[in-house]
């Protein structure tokens, strides 16, 4: 069983920065991808960024502003968000995917609000 706990969300003004953290516990493989998704009100959940042992991937809307990183010793993944915009407002969810079983795991989410 895998558990994910996000932290770091909050209220920030446009142009500001936040750093999200996700701590994973359980049977974690460093070769399995982890990522961040977000869901804005009345919108579908969308991929923000993902990271595996060989590559990172970003949504076009966040390229150049967000950076995903991972600490395999601490089983953690981070999302540095700079140049935040009101349209970045959403609940951000951490995801871990076991590529052998195909099973995905989700955290409970952390709210990011970008507003003046």
PDB file of N, CA and C in Angstrom:
ATOM      1  N   UNK A   1       0.840  -1.185   0.000  1.00  0.00           N
ATOM      2  CA  UNK A   1       0.000   0.000   0.000  1.00  0.00           C
ATOM      3  C   UNK A   1       0.879   1.240   0.000  1.00  0.00           C
ATOM      4  N   UNK A   2       0.443   2.226  -0.744  1.00  0.00           N
ATOM      5  CA  UNK A   2       1.176   3.488  -0.857  1.00  0.00           C
ATOM      6  C   UNK A   2       0.299   4.613  -0.339  1.00  0.00           C
ATOM      7  N   UNK A   3       0.884   5.481   0.445  1.00  0.00           N
ATOM      8  CA  UNK A   3       0.178   6.674   0.919  1.00  0.00           C
ATOM      9  C   UNK A   3       0.957   7.915   0.504  1.00  0.00           C
ATOM     10  N   UNK A   4       0.210   8.925   0.088  1.00  0.00           N
ATOM     11  CA  UNK A   4       0.803  10.172  -0.378  1.00  0.00           C
ATOM     12  C   UNK A   4       0.203  11.323   0.417  1.00  0.00           C
ATOM     13  N   UNK A   5       1.067  12.206   0.896  1.00  0.00           N
ATOM     14  CA  UNK A   5       0.605  13.359   1.663  1.00  0.00           C
ATOM     15  C   UNK A   5       1.219  14.625   1.070  1.00  0.00           C
ATOM     16  N   UNK A   6       0.346  15.501   0.575  1.00  0.00           N
ATOM     17  CA  UNK A   6       0.803  16.762  -0.016  1.00  0.00           C
ATOM     18  C   UNK A   6       0.828  17.869   1.034  1.00  0.00           C
ATOM     19  N   UNK A   7       1.666  18.852   0.769  1.00  0.00           N
ATOM     20  CA  UNK A   7       1.721  20.054   1.606  1.00  0.00           C
ATOM     21  C   UNK A   7       2.252  21.207   0.773  1.00  0.00           C
ATOM     22  N   UNK A   8       2.054  22.420   1.281  1.00  0.00           N
ATOM     23  CA  UNK A   8       2.639  23.583   0.630  1.00  0.00           C
ATOM     24  C   UNK A   8       1.671  24.483  -0.096  1.00  0.00           C
ATOM     25  N   UNK A   9       0.413  24.097  -0.169  1.00  0.00           N
ATOM     26  CA  UNK A   9      -0.554  24.948  -0.841  1.00  0.00           C
ATOM     27  C   UNK A   9      -0.873  26.187  -0.018  1.00  0.00           C
ATOM     28  N   UNK A  10      -1.619  27.095  -0.623  1.00  0.00           N
ATOM     29  CA  UNK A  10      -1.997  28.311   0.090  1.00  0.00           C
ATOM     30  C   UNK A  10      -2.443  29.392  -0.856  1.00  0.00           C
ATOM     31  N   UNK A  11      -2.563  30.597  -0.303  1.00  0.00           N
ATOM     32  CA  UNK A  11      -2.985  31.768  -1.072  1.00  0.00           C
ATOM     33  C   UNK A  11      -1.749  32.568  -1.463  1.00  0.00           C
ATOM     34  N   UNK A  12      -1.663  32.916  -2.729  1.00  0.00           N
ATOM     35  CA  UNK A  12      -0.525  33.686  -3.222  1.00  0.00           C
ATOM     36  C   UNK A  12      -1.017  34.693  -4.247  1.00  0.00           C
ATOM     37  N   UNK A  13      -0.337  35.816  -4.337  1.00  0.00           N
ATOM     38  CA  UNK A  13      -0.710  36.835  -5.317  1.00  0.00           C
ATOM     39  C   UNK A  13      -0.194  36.452  -6.708  1.00  0.00           C
ATOM     40  N   UNK A  14      -0.842  36.951  -7.740  1.00  0.00           N
ATOM     41  CA  UNK A  14      -0.335  36.705  -9.099  1.00  0.00           C
ATOM     42  C   UNK A  14       1.127  37.116  -9.224  1.00  0.00           C
ATOM     43  N   UNK A  15       1.903  36.263  -9.889  1.00  0.00           N
ATOM     44  CA  UNK A  15       3.328  36.493 -10.025  1.00  0.00           C
ATOM     45  C   UNK A  15       4.155  35.883  -8.916  1.00  0.00           C
ATOM     46  N   UNK A  16       3.499  35.397  -7.889  1.00  0.00           N
ATOM     47  CA  UNK A  16       4.199  34.823  -6.753  1.00  0.00           C
ATOM     48  C   UNK A  16       4.621  33.379  -6.977  1.00  0.00           C
ATOM     49  N   UNK A  17       5.187  32.798  -5.926  1.00  0.00           N
ATOM     50  CA  UNK A  17       5.703  31.433  -6.003  1.00  0.00           C
ATOM     51  C   UNK A  17       5.218  30.595  -4.832  1.00  0.00           C
ATOM     52  N   UNK A  18       5.121  29.302  -5.088  1.00  0.00           N
ATOM     53  CA  UNK A  18       4.837  28.315  -4.049  1.00  0.00           C
ATOM     54  C   UNK A  18       5.617  27.059  -4.370  1.00  0.00           C
ATOM     55  N   UNK A  19       5.915  26.301  -3.323  1.00  0.00           N
ATOM     56  CA  UNK A  19       6.577  25.007  -3.517  1.00  0.00           C
ATOM     57  C   UNK A  19       5.730  23.932  -2.855  1.00  0.00           C
ATOM     58  N   UNK A  20       5.237  23.014  -3.660  1.00  0.00           N
ATOM     59  CA  UNK A  20       4.449  21.896  -3.155  1.00  0.00           C
ATOM     60  C   UNK A  20       5.358  20.708  -2.877  1.00  0.00           C
ATOM     61  N   UNK A  21       5.024  19.983  -1.832  1.00  0.00           N
ATOM     62  CA  UNK A  21       5.764  18.776  -1.487  1.00  0.00           C
ATOM     63  C   UNK A  21       4.802  17.609  -1.363  1.00  0.00           C
ATOM     64  N   UNK A  22       5.296  16.437  -1.686  1.00  0.00           N
ATOM     65  CA  UNK A  22       4.511  15.208  -1.535  1.00  0.00           C
ATOM     66  C   UNK A  22       5.411  14.146  -0.949  1.00  0.00           C
ATOM     67  N   UNK A  23       5.032  13.652   0.215  1.00  0.00           N
ATOM     68  CA  UNK A  23       5.788  12.589   0.875  1.00  0.00           C
ATOM     69  C   UNK A  23       5.067  11.270   0.666  1.00  0.00           C
ATOM     70  N   UNK A  24       5.792  10.306   0.140  1.00  0.00           N
ATOM     71  CA  UNK A  24       5.227   8.988  -0.124  1.00  0.00           C
ATOM     72  C   UNK A  24       5.726   7.990   0.903  1.00  0.00           C
ATOM     73  N   UNK A  25       4.841   7.092   1.311  1.00  0.00           N
ATOM     74  CA  UNK A  25       5.226   6.025   2.221  1.00  0.00           C
ATOM     75  C   UNK A  25       4.670   4.713   1.712  1.00  0.00           C
ATOM     76  N   UNK A  26       5.295   3.626   2.140  1.00  0.00           N
ATOM     77  CA  UNK A  26       4.884   2.314   1.672  1.00  0.00           C
ATOM     78  C   UNK A  26       5.928   1.740   0.742  1.00  0.00           C
ATOM     79  N   UNK A  27       5.477   0.895  -0.163  1.00  0.00           N
ATOM     80  CA  UNK A  27       6.379   0.235  -1.095  1.00  0.00           C
ATOM     81  C   UNK A  27       6.614   1.142  -2.310  1.00  0.00           C
ATOM     82  N   UNK A  28       7.681   1.932  -2.232  1.00  0.00           N
ATOM     83  CA  UNK A  28       7.972   2.923  -3.262  1.00  0.00           C
ATOM     84  C   UNK A  28       9.186   2.491  -4.075  1.00  0.00           C
ATOM     85  N   UNK A  29       9.030   2.469  -5.385  1.00  0.00           N
ATOM     86  CA  UNK A  29      10.135   2.178  -6.278  1.00  0.00           C
ATOM     87  C   UNK A  29      10.584   3.437  -6.973  1.00  0.00           C
ATOM     88  N   UNK A  30      11.871   3.695  -6.937  1.00  0.00           N
ATOM     89  CA  UNK A  30      12.380   4.928  -7.529  1.00  0.00           C
ATOM     90  C   UNK A  30      12.214   4.950  -9.039  1.00  0.00           C
ATOM     91  N   UNK A  31      11.980   3.783  -9.643  1.00  0.00           N
ATOM     92  CA  UNK A  31      11.806   3.728 -11.087  1.00  0.00           C
ATOM     93  C   UNK A  31      10.356   4.005 -11.504  1.00  0.00           C
ATOM     94  N   UNK A  32       9.453   4.055 -10.543  1.00  0.00           N
ATOM     95  CA  UNK A  32       8.055   4.335 -10.840  1.00  0.00           C
ATOM     96  C   UNK A  32       7.817   5.837 -10.940  1.00  0.00           C
ATOM     97  N   UNK A  33       7.028   6.268 -11.896  1.00  0.00           N
ATOM     98  CA  UNK A  33       6.814   7.699 -12.082  1.00  0.00           C
ATOM     99  C   UNK A  33       5.947   8.299 -10.983  1.00  0.00           C
ATOM    100  N   UNK A  34       6.214   9.557 -10.709  1.00  0.00           N
ATOM    101  CA  UNK A  34       5.389  10.352  -9.817  1.00  0.00           C
ATOM    102  C   UNK A  34       5.034  11.639 -10.539  1.00  0.00           C
ATOM    103  N   UNK A  35       3.952  12.251 -10.091  1.00  0.00           N
ATOM    104  CA  UNK A  35       3.542  13.459 -10.795  1.00  0.00           C
ATOM    105  C   UNK A  35       2.594  14.306  -9.993  1.00  0.00           C
ATOM    106  N   UNK A  36       2.286  15.452 -10.564  1.00  0.00           N
ATOM    107  CA  UNK A  36       1.319  16.384  -9.996  1.00  0.00           C
ATOM    108  C   UNK A  36       0.197  16.607 -11.009  1.00  0.00           C
ATOM    109  N   UNK A  37      -1.018  16.532 -10.515  1.00  0.00           N
ATOM    110  CA  UNK A  37      -2.205  16.847 -11.286  1.00  0.00           C
ATOM    111  C   UNK A  37      -2.924  17.978 -10.569  1.00  0.00           C
ATOM    112  N   UNK A  38      -3.833  18.615 -11.273  1.00  0.00           N
ATOM    113  CA  UNK A  38      -4.648  19.637 -10.628  1.00  0.00           C
ATOM    114  C   UNK A  38      -6.071  19.583 -11.161  1.00  0.00           C
ATOM    115  N   UNK A  39      -6.975  20.064 -10.329  1.00  0.00           N
ATOM    116  CA  UNK A  39      -8.381  20.119 -10.718  1.00  0.00           C
ATOM    117  C   UNK A  39      -8.967  21.433 -10.248  1.00  0.00           C
ATOM    118  N   UNK A  40      -9.359  22.247 -11.206  1.00  0.00           N
ATOM    119  CA  UNK A  40     -10.021  23.515 -10.909  1.00  0.00           C
ATOM    120  C   UNK A  40     -11.524  23.276 -10.807  1.00  0.00           C
ATOM    121  N   UNK A  41     -12.243  24.191 -10.161  1.00  0.00           N
ATOM    122  CA  UNK A  41     -13.697  24.020 -10.030  1.00  0.00           C
ATOM    123  C   UNK A  41     -14.373  23.810 -11.380  1.00  0.00           C
ATOM    124  N   UNK A  42     -15.188  22.800 -11.447  1.00  0.00           N
ATOM    125  CA  UNK A  42     -15.982  22.482 -12.637  1.00  0.00           C
ATOM    126  C   UNK A  42     -15.123  22.105 -13.843  1.00  0.00           C
ATOM    127  N   UNK A  43     -13.913  21.689 -13.595  1.00  0.00           N
ATOM    128  CA  UNK A  43     -13.032  21.235 -14.667  1.00  0.00           C
ATOM    129  C   UNK A  43     -12.513  19.842 -14.347  1.00  0.00           C
ATOM    130  N   UNK A  44     -12.047  19.157 -15.381  1.00  0.00           N
ATOM    131  CA  UNK A  44     -11.498  17.828 -15.180  1.00  0.00           C
ATOM    132  C   UNK A  44     -10.083  17.905 -14.610  1.00  0.00           C
ATOM    133  N   UNK A  45      -9.690  16.843 -13.950  1.00  0.00           N
ATOM    134  CA  UNK A  45      -8.337  16.769 -13.431  1.00  0.00           C
ATOM    135  C   UNK A  45      -7.367  16.668 -14.616  1.00  0.00           C
ATOM    136  N   UNK A  46      -6.266  17.425 -14.526  1.00  0.00           N
ATOM    137  CA  UNK A  46      -5.306  17.440 -15.618  1.00  0.00           C
ATOM    138  C   UNK A  46      -3.887  17.261 -15.096  1.00  0.00           C
ATOM    139  N   UNK A  47      -3.053  16.692 -15.948  1.00  0.00           N
ATOM    140  CA  UNK A  47      -1.648  16.528 -15.600  1.00  0.00           C
ATOM    141  C   UNK A  47      -0.950  17.873 -15.619  1.00  0.00           C
ATOM    142  N   UNK A  48      -0.169  18.135 -14.573  1.00  0.00           N
ATOM    143  CA  UNK A  48       0.652  19.344 -14.517  1.00  0.00           C
ATOM    144  C   UNK A  48       2.094  19.004 -14.876  1.00  0.00           C
ATOM    145  N   UNK A  49       2.637  18.001 -14.205  1.00  0.00           N
ATOM    146  CA  UNK A  49       4.015  17.594 -14.456  1.00  0.00           C
ATOM    147  C   UNK A  49       4.218  16.187 -13.929  1.00  0.00           C
ATOM    148  N   UNK A  50       5.122  15.456 -14.561  1.00  0.00           N
ATOM    149  CA  UNK A  50       5.456  14.123 -14.097  1.00  0.00           C
ATOM    150  C   UNK A  50       6.958  13.912 -14.207  1.00  0.00           C
ATOM    151  N   UNK A  51       7.442  12.964 -13.412  1.00  0.00           N
ATOM    152  CA  UNK A  51       8.878  12.677 -13.406  1.00  0.00           C
ATOM    153  C   UNK A  51       9.090  11.181 -13.220  1.00  0.00           C
ATOM    154  N   UNK A  52       9.977  10.636 -14.055  1.00  0.00           N
ATOM    155  CA  UNK A  52      10.366   9.250 -13.922  1.00  0.00           C
ATOM    156  C   UNK A  52      11.879   9.212 -13.781  1.00  0.00           C
ATOM    157  N   UNK A  53      12.432   8.018 -13.863  1.00  0.00           N
ATOM    158  CA  UNK A  53      13.878   7.895 -13.721  1.00  0.00           C
ATOM    159  C   UNK A  53      14.630   8.448 -14.924  1.00  0.00           C
ATOM    160  N   UNK A  54      13.904   8.682 -16.029  1.00  0.00           N
ATOM    161  CA  UNK A  54      14.602   9.100 -17.251  1.00  0.00           C
ATOM    162  C   UNK A  54      14.088  10.403 -17.840  1.00  0.00           C
ATOM    163  N   UNK A  55      12.928  10.874 -17.399  1.00  0.00           N
ATOM    164  CA  UNK A  55      12.391  12.043 -18.073  1.00  0.00           C
ATOM    165  C   UNK A  55      11.441  12.823 -17.180  1.00  0.00           C
ATOM    166  N   UNK A  56      11.226  14.079 -17.573  1.00  0.00           N
ATOM    167  CA  UNK A  56      10.184  14.895 -16.955  1.00  0.00           C
ATOM    168  C   UNK A  56       9.245  15.363 -18.057  1.00  0.00           C
ATOM    169  N   UNK A  57       8.031  15.653 -17.664  1.00  0.00           N
ATOM    170  CA  UNK A  57       7.023  16.047 -18.625  1.00  0.00           C
ATOM    171  C   UNK A  57       6.167  17.147 -18.009  1.00  0.00           C
ATOM    172  N   UNK A  58       5.843  18.163 -18.801  1.00  0.00           N
ATOM    173  CA  UNK A  58       5.057  19.296 -18.300  1.00  0.00           C
ATOM    174  C   UNK A  58       3.890  19.596 -19.227  1.00  0.00           C
ATOM    175  N   UNK A  59       2.815  20.052 -18.633  1.00  0.00           N
ATOM    176  CA  UNK A  59       1.727  20.601 -19.429  1.00  0.00           C
ATOM    177  C   UNK A  59       2.211  21.892 -20.085  1.00  0.00           C
ATOM    178  N   UNK A  60       1.728  22.150 -21.285  1.00  0.00           N
ATOM    179  CA  UNK A  60       2.159  23.350 -22.003  1.00  0.00           C
ATOM    180  C   UNK A  60       1.889  24.623 -21.202  1.00  0.00           C
ATOM    181  N   UNK A  61       0.817  24.619 -20.435  1.00  0.00           N
ATOM    182  CA  UNK A  61       0.417  25.821 -19.699  1.00  0.00           C
ATOM    183  C   UNK A  61       1.377  26.183 -18.568  1.00  0.00           C
ATOM    184  N   UNK A  62       2.237  25.252 -18.158  1.00  0.00           N
ATOM    185  CA  UNK A  62       3.136  25.526 -17.028  1.00  0.00           C
ATOM    186  C   UNK A  62       4.610  25.492 -17.416  1.00  0.00           C
ATOM    187  N   UNK A  63       4.900  25.149 -18.662  1.00  0.00           N
ATOM    188  CA  UNK A  63       6.292  25.072 -19.099  1.00  0.00           C
ATOM    189  C   UNK A  63       6.995  26.419 -18.904  1.00  0.00           C
ATOM    190  N   UNK A  64       8.188  26.352 -18.350  1.00  0.00           N
ATOM    191  CA  UNK A  64       8.956  27.567 -18.100  1.00  0.00           C
ATOM    192  C   UNK A  64       8.623  28.245 -16.781  1.00  0.00           C
ATOM    193  N   UNK A  65       7.555  27.815 -16.130  1.00  0.00           N
ATOM    194  CA  UNK A  65       7.170  28.419 -14.843  1.00  0.00           C
ATOM    195  C   UNK A  65       7.260  27.418 -13.688  1.00  0.00           C
ATOM    196  N   UNK A  66       6.935  26.166 -13.957  1.00  0.00           N
ATOM    197  CA  UNK A  66       6.924  25.132 -12.918  1.00  0.00           C
ATOM    198  C   UNK A  66       8.095  24.174 -13.137  1.00  0.00           C
ATOM    199  N   UNK A  67       8.614  23.659 -12.026  1.00  0.00           N
ATOM    200  CA  UNK A  67       9.684  22.666 -12.087  1.00  0.00           C
ATOM    201  C   UNK A  67       9.383  21.527 -11.123  1.00  0.00           C
ATOM    202  N   UNK A  68       9.401  20.310 -11.659  1.00  0.00           N
ATOM    203  CA  UNK A  68       9.180  19.131 -10.821  1.00  0.00           C
ATOM    204  C   UNK A  68      10.528  18.507 -10.485  1.00  0.00           C
ATOM    205  N   UNK A  69      10.644  18.024  -9.257  1.00  0.00           N
ATOM    206  CA  UNK A  69      11.873  17.350  -8.839  1.00  0.00           C
ATOM    207  C   UNK A  69      11.515  16.228  -7.877  1.00  0.00           C
ATOM    208  N   UNK A  70      12.497  15.401  -7.615  1.00  0.00           N
ATOM    209  CA  UNK A  70      12.223  14.198  -6.820  1.00  0.00           C
ATOM    210  C   UNK A  70      13.427  13.864  -5.954  1.00  0.00           C
ATOM    211  N   UNK A  71      13.146  13.407  -4.757  1.00  0.00           N
ATOM    212  CA  UNK A  71      14.178  12.930  -3.836  1.00  0.00           C
ATOM    213  C   UNK A  71      13.879  11.466  -3.553  1.00  0.00           C
ATOM    214  N   UNK A  72      14.607  10.572  -4.187  1.00  0.00           N
ATOM    215  CA  UNK A  72      14.318   9.145  -4.047  1.00  0.00           C
ATOM    216  C   UNK A  72      14.729   8.597  -2.680  1.00  0.00           C
ATOM    217  N   UNK A  73      15.622   9.268  -2.003  1.00  0.00           N
ATOM    218  CA  UNK A  73      16.007   8.833  -0.654  1.00  0.00           C
ATOM    219  C   UNK A  73      14.854   9.086   0.313  1.00  0.00           C
ATOM    220  N   UNK A  74      14.228  10.250   0.165  1.00  0.00           N
ATOM    221  CA  UNK A  74      13.126  10.616   1.056  1.00  0.00           C
ATOM    222  C   UNK A  74      11.760  10.236   0.477  1.00  0.00           C
ATOM    223  N   UNK A  75      11.754   9.600  -0.703  1.00  0.00           N
ATOM    224  CA  UNK A  75      10.481   9.220  -1.342  1.00  0.00           C
ATOM    225  C   UNK A  75       9.545  10.422  -1.445  1.00  0.00           C
ATOM    226  N   UNK A  76      10.089  11.504  -1.951  1.00  0.00           N
ATOM    227  CA  UNK A  76       9.309  12.732  -2.051  1.00  0.00           C
ATOM    228  C   UNK A  76       9.401  13.316  -3.460  1.00  0.00           C
ATOM    229  N   UNK A  77       8.361  14.036  -3.822  1.00  0.00           N
ATOM    230  CA  UNK A  77       8.348  14.761  -5.086  1.00  0.00           C
ATOM    231  C   UNK A  77       7.902  16.191  -4.794  1.00  0.00           C
ATOM    232  N   UNK A  78       8.466  17.127  -5.558  1.00  0.00           N
ATOM    233  CA  UNK A  78       8.219  18.538  -5.294  1.00  0.00           C
ATOM    234  C   UNK A  78       7.771  19.230  -6.584  1.00  0.00           C
ATOM    235  N   UNK A  79       7.056  20.319  -6.405  1.00  0.00           N
ATOM    236  CA  UNK A  79       6.663  21.140  -7.544  1.00  0.00           C
ATOM    237  C   UNK A  79       6.929  22.594  -7.190  1.00  0.00           C
ATOM    238  N   UNK A  80       7.943  23.161  -7.799  1.00  0.00           N
ATOM    239  CA  UNK A  80       8.244  24.574  -7.624  1.00  0.00           C
ATOM    240  C   UNK A  80       7.433  25.356  -8.643  1.00  0.00           C
ATOM    241  N   UNK A  81       6.596  26.239  -8.167  1.00  0.00           N
ATOM    242  CA  UNK A  81       5.705  26.996  -9.040  1.00  0.00           C
ATOM    243  C   UNK A  81       6.062  28.475  -8.952  1.00  0.00           C
ATOM    244  N   UNK A  82       6.517  29.028 -10.051  1.00  0.00           N
ATOM    245  CA  UNK A  82       6.859  30.442 -10.137  1.00  0.00           C
ATOM    246  C   UNK A  82       5.937  31.139 -11.135  1.00  0.00           C
ATOM    247  N   UNK A  83       5.872  32.439 -11.046  1.00  0.00           N
ATOM    248  CA  UNK A  83       5.037  33.179 -11.974  1.00  0.00           C
ATOM    249  C   UNK A  83       3.592  32.732 -11.970  1.00  0.00           C
ATOM    250  N   UNK A  84       3.056  32.506 -10.789  1.00  0.00           N
ATOM    251  CA  UNK A  84       1.699  31.966 -10.696  1.00  0.00           C
ATOM    252  C   UNK A  84       0.664  32.928 -11.261  1.00  0.00           C
ATOM    253  N   UNK A  85      -0.342  32.333 -11.879  1.00  0.00           N
ATOM    254  CA  UNK A  85      -1.426  33.073 -12.506  1.00  0.00           C
ATOM    255  C   UNK A  85      -2.753  32.662 -11.868  1.00  0.00           C
ATOM    256  N   UNK A  86      -3.770  33.516 -11.956  1.00  0.00           N
ATOM    257  CA  UNK A  86      -5.079  33.130 -11.393  1.00  0.00           C
ATOM    258  C   UNK A  86      -5.596  31.809 -11.963  1.00  0.00           C
ATOM    259  N   UNK A  87      -5.283  31.522 -13.205  1.00  0.00           N
ATOM    260  CA  UNK A  87      -5.752  30.272 -13.803  1.00  0.00           C
ATOM    261  C   UNK A  87      -5.024  29.038 -13.267  1.00  0.00           C
ATOM    262  N   UNK A  88      -4.016  29.225 -12.451  1.00  0.00           N
ATOM    263  CA  UNK A  88      -3.359  28.099 -11.784  1.00  0.00           C
ATOM    264  C   UNK A  88      -4.114  27.675 -10.520  1.00  0.00           C
ATOM    265  N   UNK A  89      -5.117  28.437 -10.145  1.00  0.00           N
ATOM    266  CA  UNK A  89      -5.910  28.108  -8.969  1.00  0.00           C
ATOM    267  C   UNK A  89      -6.580  26.755  -9.137  1.00  0.00           C
ATOM    268  N   UNK A  90      -6.327  25.861  -8.199  1.00  0.00           N
ATOM    269  CA  UNK A  90      -6.864  24.502  -8.289  1.00  0.00           C
ATOM    270  C   UNK A  90      -6.448  23.724  -7.044  1.00  0.00           C
ATOM    271  N   UNK A  91      -7.043  22.557  -6.899  1.00  0.00           N
ATOM    272  CA  UNK A  91      -6.525  21.584  -5.933  1.00  0.00           C
ATOM    273  C   UNK A  91      -5.468  20.761  -6.661  1.00  0.00           C
ATOM    274  N   UNK A  92      -4.293  20.689  -6.063  1.00  0.00           N
ATOM    275  CA  UNK A  92      -3.177  19.965  -6.658  1.00  0.00           C
ATOM    276  C   UNK A  92      -3.016  18.609  -5.967  1.00  0.00           C
ATOM    277  N   UNK A  93      -2.944  17.568  -6.776  1.00  0.00           N
ATOM    278  CA  UNK A  93      -2.869  16.198  -6.277  1.00  0.00           C
ATOM    279  C   UNK A  93      -1.545  15.552  -6.675  1.00  0.00           C
ATOM    280  N   UNK A  94      -0.976  14.843  -5.744  1.00  0.00           N
ATOM    281  CA  UNK A  94       0.213  14.048  -6.000  1.00  0.00           C
ATOM    282  C   UNK A  94      -0.220  12.666  -6.494  1.00  0.00           C
ATOM    283  N   UNK A  95       0.538  12.123  -7.413  1.00  0.00           N
ATOM    284  CA  UNK A  95       0.221  10.809  -7.983  1.00  0.00           C
ATOM    285  C   UNK A  95       1.475   9.948  -8.032  1.00  0.00           C
ATOM    286  N   UNK A  96       1.303   8.677  -7.728  1.00  0.00           N
ATOM    287  CA  UNK A  96       2.372   7.683  -7.849  1.00  0.00           C
ATOM    288  C   UNK A  96       1.801   6.505  -8.638  1.00  0.00           C
ATOM    289  N   UNK A  97       2.558   6.038  -9.626  1.00  0.00           N
ATOM    290  CA  UNK A  97       2.060   4.935 -10.446  1.00  0.00           C
ATOM    291  C   UNK A  97       3.033   3.775 -10.427  1.00  0.00           C
ATOM    292  N   UNK A  98       2.504   2.623 -10.056  1.00  0.00           N
ATOM    293  CA  UNK A  98       3.285   1.387 -10.064  1.00  0.00           C
ATOM    294  C   UNK A  98       3.216   0.809 -11.476  1.00  0.00           C
ATOM    295  N   UNK A  99       4.333   0.873 -12.199  1.00  0.00           N
ATOM    296  CA  UNK A  99       4.295   0.473 -13.600  1.00  0.00           C
ATOM    297  C   UNK A  99       4.172  -1.039 -13.775  1.00  0.00           C
ATOM    298  N   UNK A 100       4.467  -1.790 -12.743  1.00  0.00           N
ATOM    299  CA  UNK A 100       4.338  -3.254 -12.846  1.00  0.00           C
ATOM    300  C   UNK A 100       2.876  -3.665 -12.701  1.00  0.00           C
ATOM    301  N   UNK A 101       2.220  -3.161 -11.674  1.00  0.00           N
ATOM    302  CA  UNK A 101       0.816  -3.528 -11.447  1.00  0.00           C
ATOM    303  C   UNK A 101      -0.143  -2.646 -12.243  1.00  0.00           C
ATOM    304  N   UNK A 102       0.345  -1.460 -12.640  1.00  0.00           N
ATOM    305  CA  UNK A 102      -0.529  -0.516 -13.328  1.00  0.00           C
ATOM    306  C   UNK A 102      -1.388   0.314 -12.393  1.00  0.00           C
ATOM    307  N   UNK A 103      -1.246   0.091 -11.105  1.00  0.00           N
ATOM    308  CA  UNK A 103      -2.103   0.784 -10.150  1.00  0.00           C
ATOM    309  C   UNK A 103      -1.559   2.184  -9.873  1.00  0.00           C
ATOM    310  N   UNK A 104      -2.474   3.134  -9.762  1.00  0.00           N
ATOM    311  CA  UNK A 104      -2.118   4.499  -9.424  1.00  0.00           C
ATOM    312  C   UNK A 104      -2.612   4.865  -8.038  1.00  0.00           C
ATOM    313  N   UNK A 105      -1.876   5.739  -7.380  1.00  0.00           N
ATOM    314  CA  UNK A 105      -2.237   6.178  -6.036  1.00  0.00           C
ATOM    315  C   UNK A 105      -2.315   7.701  -6.019  1.00  0.00           C
ATOM    316  N   UNK A 106      -3.232   8.223  -5.194  1.00  0.00           N
ATOM    317  CA  UNK A 106      -3.461   9.664  -5.115  1.00  0.00           C
ATOM    318  C   UNK A 106      -3.372  10.149  -3.688  1.00  0.00           C
ATOM    319  N   UNK A 107      -2.865  11.377  -3.539  1.00  0.00           N
ATOM    320  CA  UNK A 107      -2.978  12.049  -2.272  1.00  0.00           C
ATOM    321  C   UNK A 107      -4.346  12.700  -2.160  1.00  0.00           C
ATOM    322  N   UNK A 108      -4.595  13.362  -1.026  1.00  0.00           N
ATOM    323  CA  UNK A 108      -5.893  13.992  -0.810  1.00  0.00           C
ATOM    324  C   UNK A 108      -5.961  15.399  -1.381  1.00  0.00           C
ATOM    325  N   UNK A 109      -4.820  15.930  -1.803  1.00  0.00           N
ATOM    326  CA  UNK A 109      -4.796  17.224  -2.472  1.00  0.00           C
ATOM    327  C   UNK A 109      -4.458  18.383  -1.556  1.00  0.00           C
ATOM    328  N   UNK A 110      -3.933  19.431  -2.177  1.00  0.00           N
ATOM    329  CA  UNK A 110      -3.644  20.675  -1.466  1.00  0.00           C
ATOM    330  C   UNK A 110      -4.112  21.840  -2.337  1.00  0.00           C
ATOM    331  N   UNK A 111      -4.795  22.789  -1.732  1.00  0.00           N
ATOM    332  CA  UNK A 111      -5.410  23.873  -2.486  1.00  0.00           C
ATOM    333  C   UNK A 111      -4.423  24.999  -2.730  1.00  0.00           C
ATOM    334  N   UNK A 112      -4.325  25.412  -3.983  1.00  0.00           N
ATOM    335  CA  UNK A 112      -3.537  26.574  -4.376  1.00  0.00           C
ATOM    336  C   UNK A 112      -4.489  27.630  -4.915  1.00  0.00           C
ATOM    337  N   UNK A 113      -4.454  28.803  -4.310  1.00  0.00           N
ATOM    338  CA  UNK A 113      -5.307  29.904  -4.746  1.00  0.00           C
ATOM    339  C   UNK A 113      -4.423  31.080  -5.135  1.00  0.00           C
ATOM    340  N   UNK A 114      -4.572  31.528  -6.370  1.00  0.00           N
ATOM    341  CA  UNK A 114      -3.792  32.663  -6.870  1.00  0.00           C
ATOM    342  C   UNK A 114      -4.754  33.826  -7.068  1.00  0.00           C
ATOM    343  N   UNK A 115      -4.618  34.810  -6.223  1.00  0.00           N
ATOM    344  CA  UNK A 115      -5.563  35.928  -6.248  1.00  0.00           C
ATOM    345  C   UNK A 115      -4.947  37.141  -5.586  1.00  0.00           C
ATOM    346  N   UNK A 116      -5.343  38.311  -6.078  1.00  0.00           N
ATOM    347  CA  UNK A 116      -4.893  39.547  -5.459  1.00  0.00           C
ATOM    348  C   UNK A 116      -5.898  40.036  -4.429  1.00  0.00           C
TER     349      UNK A 116
END
